[in-house]
Amino acid sequence: MCVGLSAKVVDLKDGTAVIDASGAKRSVSAELLDDLEVGDYVMVHAGVAIAKITDDDENETNKIMEEL
């Protein structure tokens, strides 16, 4: 089973996004997503932002992870 991490994009530069996942910031590849902007939420897997998600998706993901 693969698990993705939801996070907020806080910076973008040259195909790399800095994300904030529950206070932890790290750089990931953003090259798969054409229309990504600072403030967007993304699903991250293996160091790559693989999909944009909504704020509601982010909240639901965080709730599920807290329950685990």
C-alpha atoms as a PDB file:
ATOM      1  CA  MET A   1       0.000   0.000   0.000  1.00  0.00           C
ATOM      2  CA  CYS A   2       1.271   3.472  -0.875  1.00  0.00           C
ATOM      3  CA  VAL A   3       0.538   6.435   1.334  1.00  0.00           C
ATOM      4  CA  GLY A   4       0.604  10.011   0.114  1.00  0.00           C
ATOM      5  CA  LEU A   5       1.146  13.031   2.284  1.00  0.00           C
ATOM      6  CA  SER A   6      -1.051  16.104   1.927  1.00  0.00           C
ATOM      7  CA  ALA A   7       0.686  19.459   2.267  1.00  0.00           C
ATOM      8  CA  LYS A   8       0.431  23.163   1.478  1.00  0.00           C
ATOM      9  CA  VAL A   9       2.761  24.753  -1.073  1.00  0.00           C
ATOM     10  CA  VAL A  10       4.623  27.648   0.565  1.00  0.00           C
ATOM     11  CA  ASP A  11       7.186  28.399  -2.173  1.00  0.00           C
ATOM     12  CA  LEU A  12       7.815  27.497  -5.825  1.00  0.00           C
ATOM     13  CA  LYS A  13      10.973  27.809  -7.890  1.00  0.00           C
ATOM     14  CA  ASP A  14      12.328  26.045 -10.974  1.00  0.00           C
ATOM     15  CA  GLY A  15      10.119  22.939 -10.763  1.00  0.00           C
ATOM     16  CA  THR A  16      10.586  22.541  -7.016  1.00  0.00           C
ATOM     17  CA  ALA A  17       7.983  23.258  -4.366  1.00  0.00           C
ATOM     18  CA  VAL A  18       8.601  23.870  -0.694  1.00  0.00           C
ATOM     19  CA  ILE A  19       5.717  22.269   1.168  1.00  0.00           C
ATOM     20  CA  ASP A  20       4.453  22.542   4.720  1.00  0.00           C
ATOM     21  CA  ALA A  21       3.052  19.299   6.094  1.00  0.00           C
ATOM     22  CA  SER A  22       1.821  19.848   9.645  1.00  0.00           C
ATOM     23  CA  GLY A  23       4.655  22.277  10.349  1.00  0.00           C
ATOM     24  CA  ALA A  24       7.420  20.241   8.698  1.00  0.00           C
ATOM     25  CA  LYS A  25       8.799  21.916   5.588  1.00  0.00           C
ATOM     26  CA  ARG A  26      10.646  20.167   2.792  1.00  0.00           C
ATOM     27  CA  SER A  27      11.359  20.481  -0.908  1.00  0.00           C
ATOM     28  CA  VAL A  28       9.651  18.205  -3.423  1.00  0.00           C
ATOM     29  CA  SER A  29       9.511  17.979  -7.196  1.00  0.00           C
ATOM     30  CA  ALA A  30       6.607  19.923  -8.685  1.00  0.00           C
ATOM     31  CA  GLU A  31       7.340  19.103 -12.313  1.00  0.00           C
ATOM     32  CA  LEU A  32       4.246  16.913 -12.786  1.00  0.00           C
ATOM     33  CA  LEU A  33       1.836  19.777 -12.037  1.00  0.00           C
ATOM     34  CA  ASP A  34       1.553  22.590 -14.586  1.00  0.00           C
ATOM     35  CA  ASP A  35      -0.745  25.027 -12.804  1.00  0.00           C
ATOM     36  CA  LEU A  36       0.636  24.845  -9.268  1.00  0.00           C
ATOM     37  CA  GLU A  37       0.684  28.049  -7.204  1.00  0.00           C
ATOM     38  CA  VAL A  38       1.783  29.044  -3.701  1.00  0.00           C
ATOM     39  CA  GLY A  39      -1.124  28.346  -1.349  1.00  0.00           C
ATOM     40  CA  ASP A  40      -2.312  25.255  -3.243  1.00  0.00           C
ATOM     41  CA  TYR A  41      -2.601  21.925  -1.466  1.00  0.00           C
ATOM     42  CA  VAL A  42      -0.937  18.880  -2.996  1.00  0.00           C
ATOM     43  CA  MET A  43      -0.660  15.153  -2.467  1.00  0.00           C
ATOM     44  CA  VAL A  44       3.009  14.144  -2.201  1.00  0.00           C
ATOM     45  CA  HIS A  45       4.449  10.675  -2.707  1.00  0.00           C
ATOM     46  CA  ALA A  46       8.133   9.713  -2.792  1.00  0.00           C
ATOM     47  CA  GLY A  47       9.266  13.335  -2.917  1.00  0.00           C
ATOM     48  CA  VAL A  48       6.995  14.296  -5.817  1.00  0.00           C
ATOM     49  CA  ALA A  49       3.842  16.434  -5.785  1.00  0.00           C
ATOM     50  CA  ILE A  50       1.528  14.104  -7.720  1.00  0.00           C
ATOM     51  CA  ALA A  51      -1.827  15.926  -7.584  1.00  0.00           C
ATOM     52  CA  LYS A  52      -3.496  19.138  -6.492  1.00  0.00           C
ATOM     53  CA  ILE A  53      -6.147  18.647  -3.833  1.00  0.00           C
ATOM     54  CA  THR A  54      -8.746  20.922  -2.297  1.00  0.00           C
ATOM     55  CA  ASP A  55      -8.671  22.453   1.165  1.00  0.00           C
ATOM     56  CA  ASP A  56     -11.497  20.056   2.104  1.00  0.00           C
ATOM     57  CA  ASP A  57      -9.377  17.083   0.969  1.00  0.00           C
ATOM     58  CA  GLU A  58      -6.517  18.353   3.137  1.00  0.00           C
ATOM     59  CA  ASN A  59      -8.766  18.613   6.205  1.00  0.00           C
ATOM     60  CA  GLU A  60     -10.211  15.148   5.655  1.00  0.00           C
ATOM     61  CA  THR A  61      -6.751  13.615   5.187  1.00  0.00           C
ATOM     62  CA  ASN A  62      -5.463  15.230   8.372  1.00  0.00           C
ATOM     63  CA  LYS A  63      -8.459  13.936  10.323  1.00  0.00           C
ATOM     64  CA  ILE A  64      -7.919  10.378   9.082  1.00  0.00           C
ATOM     65  CA  MET A  65      -4.193  10.486   9.873  1.00  0.00           C
ATOM     66  CA  GLU A  66      -4.909  11.705  13.418  1.00  0.00           C
ATOM     67  CA  GLU A  67      -7.271   8.779  13.949  1.00  0.00           C
ATOM     68  CA  LEU A  68      -4.581   6.267  12.986  1.00  0.00           C
END
